[in-house]
Amino acid sequence: MRNLLIIGDENMAAYAEAMEAEGYSACLRPPGASGPIEDSFDAVILDLTTLGEDTATKRLLEEARGEDSPALIAIIGPDQVAAFDPTRNLDDFLLAGATPRELTARVRQALWKRSRVDTKNILKCGDLVIDLANYTVHVAGRPVEITFKEYELLRFLATNRDRVFNRDTLLNKVWGYDFYGGARTVDVHIRRLRSKIEDRQHTFIETVRNVGYRFRVIS
């Protein structure tokens, strides 16, 4: 299930209910309330008409954000349009008064652009289908038996398609900072993973010489 944070007043409750009805887990938080944002949510919806002196949320809008940051969708008022900069760190924005259906569509599109994961937590990459809720993998309809670490490695690469990762980064992201194994651990798992999900018709993981690996759908 995709986790959403909605920052706004009680008028945002209808949006939260609509997102829940679409299969998301939505948390409604008033402006200025404390709590983690970066690591806990897949998307954050900001009602900028009620932001006030919520400095933490304003800082989220202004600071540089990485690929692992949540998608940001802003709601602005008609009087903010002229001064609003759509190039700031946002994935999308819409005007206050938009229907819950429109917000749901914007959130779905923003999440799809980032990770290609739909609301049912199904990630589709050509003939490769990863069920993120049930930890299953299929290629062209065929179930694939992989270990948990192979699954985690595949999930990380597939949700960051076309990005090149060196071995140290993959070790940190998949095995954790406290893992003491060497870079060969990554190579071994990549080789095993390829043997299970790739064949003459399907290539998903590309070796970038002298750098590392990236996920690309080549059919």
C-alpha atoms as a PDB file:
ATOM      1  CA  MET A   1       0.000   0.000   0.000  1.00  0.00           C
ATOM      2  CA  ARG A   2       1.279   3.479  -0.921  1.00  0.00           C
ATOM      3  CA  ASN A   3       1.543   5.887   2.005  1.00  0.00           C
ATOM      4  CA  LEU A   4       0.457   9.486   1.522  1.00  0.00           C
ATOM      5  CA  LEU A   5       0.809  12.527   3.773  1.00  0.00           C
ATOM      6  CA  ILE A   6      -1.672  15.372   3.348  1.00  0.00           C
ATOM      7  CA  ILE A   7      -0.680  18.620   5.074  1.00  0.00           C
ATOM      8  CA  GLY A   8      -3.621  20.984   5.489  1.00  0.00           C
ATOM      9  CA  ASP A   9      -6.622  21.861   7.618  1.00  0.00           C
ATOM     10  CA  GLU A  10      -9.820  19.888   8.165  1.00  0.00           C
ATOM     11  CA  ASN A  11     -11.059  20.843   4.679  1.00  0.00           C
ATOM     12  CA  MET A  12      -8.557  18.340   3.304  1.00  0.00           C
ATOM     13  CA  ALA A  13     -10.401  15.450   4.968  1.00  0.00           C
ATOM     14  CA  ALA A  14     -12.442  14.805   1.808  1.00  0.00           C
ATOM     15  CA  TYR A  15      -9.217  14.360  -0.146  1.00  0.00           C
ATOM     16  CA  ALA A  16      -7.878  11.943   2.461  1.00  0.00           C
ATOM     17  CA  GLU A  17     -11.080   9.890   2.264  1.00  0.00           C
ATOM     18  CA  ALA A  18     -10.901   9.807  -1.526  1.00  0.00           C
ATOM     19  CA  MET A  19      -7.294   8.607  -1.447  1.00  0.00           C
ATOM     20  CA  GLU A  20      -8.196   5.883   1.058  1.00  0.00           C
ATOM     21  CA  ALA A  21     -11.029   4.762  -1.226  1.00  0.00           C
ATOM     22  CA  GLU A  22      -8.494   4.410  -4.055  1.00  0.00           C
ATOM     23  CA  GLY A  23      -6.356   2.021  -2.021  1.00  0.00           C
ATOM     24  CA  TYR A  24      -3.842   4.445  -0.520  1.00  0.00           C
ATOM     25  CA  SER A  25      -3.026   4.911   3.141  1.00  0.00           C
ATOM     26  CA  ALA A  26      -3.579   8.632   3.778  1.00  0.00           C
ATOM     27  CA  CYS A  27      -2.424  10.548   6.840  1.00  0.00           C
ATOM     28  CA  LEU A  28      -3.895  14.036   7.378  1.00  0.00           C
ATOM     29  CA  ARG A  29      -1.594  16.381   9.317  1.00  0.00           C
ATOM     30  CA  PRO A  30      -2.308  20.034  10.199  1.00  0.00           C
ATOM     31  CA  PRO A  31       0.252  22.663   9.156  1.00  0.00           C
ATOM     32  CA  GLY A  32       3.064  23.009  11.678  1.00  0.00           C
ATOM     33  CA  ALA A  33       2.661  19.513  13.169  1.00  0.00           C
ATOM     34  CA  SER A  34       5.888  17.615  13.670  1.00  0.00           C
ATOM     35  CA  GLY A  35       6.720  14.197  12.266  1.00  0.00           C
ATOM     36  CA  PRO A  36       8.925  12.509   9.664  1.00  0.00           C
ATOM     37  CA  ILE A  37       8.280  13.169   5.997  1.00  0.00           C
ATOM     38  CA  GLU A  38      11.182  12.066   3.820  1.00  0.00           C
ATOM     39  CA  ASP A  39      11.409   8.413   4.860  1.00  0.00           C
ATOM     40  CA  SER A  40       7.810   7.621   5.721  1.00  0.00           C
ATOM     41  CA  PHE A  41       5.681   8.570   2.722  1.00  0.00           C
ATOM     42  CA  ASP A  42       5.544   7.930  -1.012  1.00  0.00           C
ATOM     43  CA  ALA A  43       3.855  11.255  -1.734  1.00  0.00           C
ATOM     44  CA  VAL A  44       3.097  14.474   0.137  1.00  0.00           C
ATOM     45  CA  ILE A  45       0.133  16.708  -0.753  1.00  0.00           C
ATOM     46  CA  LEU A  46       0.670  20.275   0.467  1.00  0.00           C
ATOM     47  CA  ASP A  47      -2.195  22.736   0.847  1.00  0.00           C
ATOM     48  CA  LEU A  48      -0.218  25.949   0.378  1.00  0.00           C
ATOM     49  CA  THR A  49      -3.308  28.047   1.091  1.00  0.00           C
ATOM     50  CA  THR A  50      -3.121  27.065   4.769  1.00  0.00           C
ATOM     51  CA  LEU A  51       0.620  26.696   5.207  1.00  0.00           C
ATOM     52  CA  GLY A  52       1.084  29.809   7.368  1.00  0.00           C
ATOM     53  CA  GLU A  53       4.324  29.659   9.337  1.00  0.00           C
ATOM     54  CA  ASP A  54       4.917  25.965   8.797  1.00  0.00           C
ATOM     55  CA  THR A  55       8.655  26.417   8.272  1.00  0.00           C
ATOM     56  CA  ALA A  56       9.423  22.687   8.084  1.00  0.00           C
ATOM     57  CA  THR A  57       7.099  22.200   5.141  1.00  0.00           C
ATOM     58  CA  LYS A  58       8.327  25.375   3.439  1.00  0.00           C
ATOM     59  CA  ARG A  59      11.853  24.044   3.746  1.00  0.00           C
ATOM     60  CA  LEU A  60      10.731  20.785   2.111  1.00  0.00           C
ATOM     61  CA  LEU A  61       9.571  22.816  -0.858  1.00  0.00           C
ATOM     62  CA  GLU A  62      12.816  24.722  -1.216  1.00  0.00           C
ATOM     63  CA  GLU A  63      15.515  22.134  -0.510  1.00  0.00           C
ATOM     64  CA  ALA A  64      16.993  19.923  -3.195  1.00  0.00           C
ATOM     65  CA  ARG A  65      15.382  16.501  -3.211  1.00  0.00           C
ATOM     66  CA  GLY A  66      16.750  13.169  -4.317  1.00  0.00           C
ATOM     67  CA  GLU A  67      15.186  10.354  -6.306  1.00  0.00           C
ATOM     68  CA  ASP A  68      14.166   8.598  -3.096  1.00  0.00           C
ATOM     69  CA  SER A  69      12.225  11.623  -1.814  1.00  0.00           C
ATOM     70  CA  PRO A  70       8.410  11.517  -1.810  1.00  0.00           C
ATOM     71  CA  ALA A  71       6.498  13.003  -4.705  1.00  0.00           C
ATOM     72  CA  LEU A  72       5.262  16.516  -3.911  1.00  0.00           C
ATOM     73  CA  ILE A  73       1.879  17.786  -5.118  1.00  0.00           C
ATOM     74  CA  ALA A  74       0.832  21.315  -4.104  1.00  0.00           C
ATOM     75  CA  ILE A  75      -2.613  22.873  -3.847  1.00  0.00           C
ATOM     76  CA  ILE A  76      -2.579  26.655  -4.424  1.00  0.00           C
ATOM     77  CA  GLY A  77      -5.196  29.379  -4.258  1.00  0.00           C
ATOM     78  CA  PRO A  78      -6.270  31.623  -7.177  1.00  0.00           C
ATOM     79  CA  ASP A  79      -4.456  34.574  -5.589  1.00  0.00           C
ATOM     80  CA  GLN A  80      -1.209  32.580  -5.552  1.00  0.00           C
ATOM     81  CA  VAL A  81      -1.145  31.719  -9.234  1.00  0.00           C
ATOM     82  CA  ALA A  82       0.670  34.837 -10.453  1.00  0.00           C
ATOM     83  CA  ALA A  83       3.498  34.486  -7.938  1.00  0.00           C
ATOM     84  CA  PHE A  84       3.704  30.713  -7.951  1.00  0.00           C
ATOM     85  CA  ASP A  85       6.769  29.107  -9.504  1.00  0.00           C
ATOM     86  CA  PRO A  86       5.824  25.697 -10.977  1.00  0.00           C
ATOM     87  CA  THR A  87       9.503  24.831 -11.444  1.00  0.00           C
ATOM     88  CA  ARG A  88      10.143  24.558  -7.708  1.00  0.00           C
ATOM     89  CA  ASN A  89      10.632  21.088  -6.220  1.00  0.00           C
ATOM     90  CA  LEU A  90       7.188  19.808  -7.158  1.00  0.00           C
ATOM     91  CA  ASP A  91       5.921  16.894  -9.188  1.00  0.00           C
ATOM     92  CA  ASP A  92       2.585  18.570  -9.855  1.00  0.00           C
ATOM     93  CA  PHE A  93       0.150  21.231  -8.574  1.00  0.00           C
ATOM     94  CA  LEU A  94      -3.538  22.077  -8.853  1.00  0.00           C
ATOM     95  CA  LEU A  95      -5.881  24.860  -7.808  1.00  0.00           C
ATOM     96  CA  ALA A  96      -7.786  24.879  -4.535  1.00  0.00           C
ATOM     97  CA  GLY A  97     -11.295  23.585  -5.002  1.00  0.00           C
ATOM     98  CA  ALA A  98     -10.218  20.804  -7.340  1.00  0.00           C
ATOM     99  CA  THR A  99     -12.251  17.645  -6.966  1.00  0.00           C
ATOM    100  CA  PRO A 100     -10.913  14.679  -5.004  1.00  0.00           C
ATOM    101  CA  ARG A 101     -11.014  12.733  -8.277  1.00  0.00           C
ATOM    102  CA  GLU A 102      -8.603  15.202  -9.893  1.00  0.00           C
ATOM    103  CA  LEU A 103      -6.192  15.077  -6.957  1.00  0.00           C
ATOM    104  CA  THR A 104      -6.282  11.283  -7.026  1.00  0.00           C
ATOM    105  CA  ALA A 105      -5.387  11.323 -10.711  1.00  0.00           C
ATOM    106  CA  ARG A 106      -2.499  13.771 -10.123  1.00  0.00           C
ATOM    107  CA  VAL A 107      -1.094  11.652  -7.306  1.00  0.00           C
ATOM    108  CA  ARG A 108      -1.377   8.464  -9.350  1.00  0.00           C
ATOM    109  CA  GLN A 109       0.426  10.114 -12.268  1.00  0.00           C
ATOM    110  CA  ALA A 110       3.189  11.542 -10.071  1.00  0.00           C
ATOM    111  CA  LEU A 111       3.874   8.178  -8.458  1.00  0.00           C
ATOM    112  CA  TRP A 112       3.778   6.399 -11.806  1.00  0.00           C
ATOM    113  CA  LYS A 113       6.324   8.789 -13.297  1.00  0.00           C
ATOM    114  CA  ARG A 114       8.668   8.214 -10.366  1.00  0.00           C
ATOM    115  CA  SER A 115       8.556   4.460  -9.931  1.00  0.00           C
ATOM    116  CA  ARG A 116       6.065   2.913 -12.407  1.00  0.00           C
ATOM    117  CA  VAL A 117       4.168   1.421  -9.444  1.00  0.00           C
ATOM    118  CA  ASP A 118       0.374   1.486  -9.577  1.00  0.00           C
ATOM    119  CA  THR A 119      -2.087   1.844  -6.706  1.00  0.00           C
ATOM    120  CA  LYS A 120      -2.206  -1.925  -6.185  1.00  0.00           C
ATOM    121  CA  ASN A 121       1.565  -1.990  -5.612  1.00  0.00           C
ATOM    122  CA  ILE A 122       2.162  -3.766  -8.907  1.00  0.00           C
ATOM    123  CA  LEU A 123       5.305  -2.745 -10.764  1.00  0.00           C
ATOM    124  CA  LYS A 124       5.279  -3.632 -14.469  1.00  0.00           C
ATOM    125  CA  CYS A 125       8.405  -3.428 -16.601  1.00  0.00           C
ATOM    126  CA  GLY A 126       7.676  -5.010 -19.950  1.00  0.00           C
ATOM    127  CA  ASP A 127       7.021  -8.695 -19.274  1.00  0.00           C
ATOM    128  CA  LEU A 128       8.408  -8.404 -15.747  1.00  0.00           C
ATOM    129  CA  VAL A 129       5.750  -7.986 -13.062  1.00  0.00           C
ATOM    130  CA  ILE A 130       6.679  -7.412  -9.413  1.00  0.00           C
ATOM    131  CA  ASP A 131       3.922  -7.615  -6.803  1.00  0.00           C
ATOM    132  CA  LEU A 132       5.345  -5.385  -4.082  1.00  0.00           C
ATOM    133  CA  ALA A 133       2.588  -6.299  -1.636  1.00  0.00           C
ATOM    134  CA  ASN A 134       3.023 -10.062  -1.922  1.00  0.00           C
ATOM    135  CA  TYR A 135       6.755 -10.248  -2.796  1.00  0.00           C
ATOM    136  CA  THR A 136       6.193 -12.202  -5.981  1.00  0.00           C
ATOM    137  CA  VAL A 137       7.858 -11.926  -9.388  1.00  0.00           C
ATOM    138  CA  HIS A 138       6.575 -13.081 -12.786  1.00  0.00           C
ATOM    139  CA  VAL A 139       8.193 -12.935 -16.219  1.00  0.00           C
ATOM    140  CA  ALA A 140       5.817 -13.332 -19.171  1.00  0.00           C
ATOM    141  CA  GLY A 141       3.299 -14.885 -16.773  1.00  0.00           C
ATOM    142  CA  ARG A 142       5.802 -17.381 -15.398  1.00  0.00           C
ATOM    143  CA  PRO A 143       6.383 -17.271 -11.608  1.00  0.00           C
ATOM    144  CA  VAL A 144      10.018 -16.806 -10.637  1.00  0.00           C
ATOM    145  CA  GLU A 145      11.436 -18.148  -7.389  1.00  0.00           C
ATOM    146  CA  ILE A 146      14.036 -15.768  -5.972  1.00  0.00           C
ATOM    147  CA  THR A 147      15.556 -15.200  -2.543  1.00  0.00           C
ATOM    148  CA  PHE A 148      14.596 -12.236  -0.386  1.00  0.00           C
ATOM    149  CA  LYS A 149      17.863 -10.376  -1.107  1.00  0.00           C
ATOM    150  CA  GLU A 150      17.496 -11.037  -4.818  1.00  0.00           C
ATOM    151  CA  TYR A 151      13.975  -9.653  -4.582  1.00  0.00           C
ATOM    152  CA  GLU A 152      15.137  -6.553  -2.702  1.00  0.00           C
ATOM    153  CA  LEU A 153      17.894  -5.963  -5.243  1.00  0.00           C
ATOM    154  CA  LEU A 154      15.471  -6.350  -8.141  1.00  0.00           C
ATOM    155  CA  ARG A 155      12.887  -4.108  -6.495  1.00  0.00           C
ATOM    156  CA  PHE A 156      15.410  -1.344  -5.875  1.00  0.00           C
ATOM    157  CA  LEU A 157      16.775  -1.428  -9.408  1.00  0.00           C
ATOM    158  CA  ALA A 158      13.342  -1.655 -11.045  1.00  0.00           C
ATOM    159  CA  THR A 159      11.910   1.275  -9.080  1.00  0.00           C
ATOM    160  CA  ASN A 160      14.913   3.347 -10.138  1.00  0.00           C
ATOM    161  CA  ARG A 161      15.022   2.281 -13.788  1.00  0.00           C
ATOM    162  CA  ASP A 162      17.621   3.788 -16.114  1.00  0.00           C
ATOM    163  CA  ARG A 163      19.741   5.031 -13.194  1.00  0.00           C
ATOM    164  CA  VAL A 164      23.242   3.640 -12.850  1.00  0.00           C
ATOM    165  CA  PHE A 165      24.278   2.451  -9.375  1.00  0.00           C
ATOM    166  CA  ASN A 166      27.773   1.457  -8.339  1.00  0.00           C
ATOM    167  CA  ARG A 167      28.316  -1.579  -6.160  1.00  0.00           C
ATOM    168  CA  ASP A 168      28.855   0.378  -2.953  1.00  0.00           C
ATOM    169  CA  THR A 169      25.532   2.168  -3.366  1.00  0.00           C
ATOM    170  CA  LEU A 170      23.719  -1.111  -3.979  1.00  0.00           C
ATOM    171  CA  LEU A 171      25.341  -2.614  -0.895  1.00  0.00           C
ATOM    172  CA  ASN A 172      24.147   0.308   1.202  1.00  0.00           C
ATOM    173  CA  LYS A 173      20.635   0.398  -0.240  1.00  0.00           C
ATOM    174  CA  VAL A 174      19.935  -3.337  -0.264  1.00  0.00           C
ATOM    175  CA  TRP A 175      22.158  -4.849   2.424  1.00  0.00           C
ATOM    176  CA  GLY A 176      22.494  -1.834   4.725  1.00  0.00           C
ATOM    177  CA  TYR A 177      25.332   0.251   6.073  1.00  0.00           C
ATOM    178  CA  ASP A 178      26.239  -2.354   8.692  1.00  0.00           C
ATOM    179  CA  PHE A 179      26.928  -5.047   6.082  1.00  0.00           C
ATOM    180  CA  TYR A 180      30.590  -5.999   5.935  1.00  0.00           C
ATOM    181  CA  GLY A 181      30.603  -7.993   2.712  1.00  0.00           C
ATOM    182  CA  GLY A 182      32.492  -6.806  -0.347  1.00  0.00           C
ATOM    183  CA  ALA A 183      31.395  -5.630  -3.768  1.00  0.00           C
ATOM    184  CA  ARG A 184      31.547  -9.226  -5.027  1.00  0.00           C
ATOM    185  CA  THR A 185      28.351  -9.863  -3.055  1.00  0.00           C
ATOM    186  CA  VAL A 186      26.509  -7.589  -5.494  1.00  0.00           C
ATOM    187  CA  ASP A 187      28.011  -9.279  -8.543  1.00  0.00           C
ATOM    188  CA  VAL A 188      27.035 -12.732  -7.287  1.00  0.00           C
ATOM    189  CA  HIS A 189      23.436 -11.711  -6.616  1.00  0.00           C
ATOM    190  CA  ILE A 190      23.152  -9.906  -9.962  1.00  0.00           C
ATOM    191  CA  ARG A 191      24.394 -13.026 -11.762  1.00  0.00           C
ATOM    192  CA  ARG A 192      21.922 -15.272  -9.942  1.00  0.00           C
ATOM    193  CA  LEU A 193      19.084 -12.829 -10.519  1.00  0.00           C
ATOM    194  CA  ARG A 194      19.808 -12.617 -14.224  1.00  0.00           C
ATOM    195  CA  SER A 195      19.819 -16.395 -14.536  1.00  0.00           C
ATOM    196  CA  LYS A 196      16.275 -16.457 -13.134  1.00  0.00           C
ATOM    197  CA  ILE A 197      14.567 -13.532 -14.866  1.00  0.00           C
ATOM    198  CA  GLU A 198      16.430 -13.159 -18.166  1.00  0.00           C
ATOM    199  CA  ASP A 199      16.555 -15.203 -21.360  1.00  0.00           C
ATOM    200  CA  ARG A 200      16.996 -14.560 -25.069  1.00  0.00           C
ATOM    201  CA  GLN A 201      13.742 -12.605 -25.194  1.00  0.00           C
ATOM    202  CA  HIS A 202      14.168 -10.634 -21.973  1.00  0.00           C
ATOM    203  CA  THR A 203      17.045  -8.525 -20.666  1.00  0.00           C
ATOM    204  CA  PHE A 204      16.452  -6.325 -17.641  1.00  0.00           C
ATOM    205  CA  ILE A 205      19.763  -5.624 -15.897  1.00  0.00           C
ATOM    206  CA  GLU A 206      22.560  -3.948 -17.793  1.00  0.00           C
ATOM    207  CA  THR A 207      26.198  -3.879 -16.720  1.00  0.00           C
ATOM    208  CA  VAL A 208      27.784  -0.443 -17.046  1.00  0.00           C
ATOM    209  CA  ARG A 209      31.453  -1.163 -17.431  1.00  0.00           C
ATOM    210  CA  ASN A 210      33.717   0.122 -14.657  1.00  0.00           C
ATOM    211  CA  VAL A 211      30.712   1.631 -12.874  1.00  0.00           C
ATOM    212  CA  GLY A 212      27.975  -0.762 -11.837  1.00  0.00           C
ATOM    213  CA  TYR A 213      24.471  -1.741 -12.944  1.00  0.00           C
ATOM    214  CA  ARG A 214      21.214  -0.250 -14.136  1.00  0.00           C
ATOM    215  CA  PHE A 215      17.752  -1.581 -14.847  1.00  0.00           C
ATOM    216  CA  ARG A 216      16.509  -1.312 -18.420  1.00  0.00           C
ATOM    217  CA  VAL A 217      13.753  -3.196 -20.198  1.00  0.00           C
ATOM    218  CA  ILE A 218      15.216  -4.613 -23.400  1.00  0.00           C
ATOM    219  CA  SER A 219      12.889  -7.033 -25.178  1.00  0.00           C
END
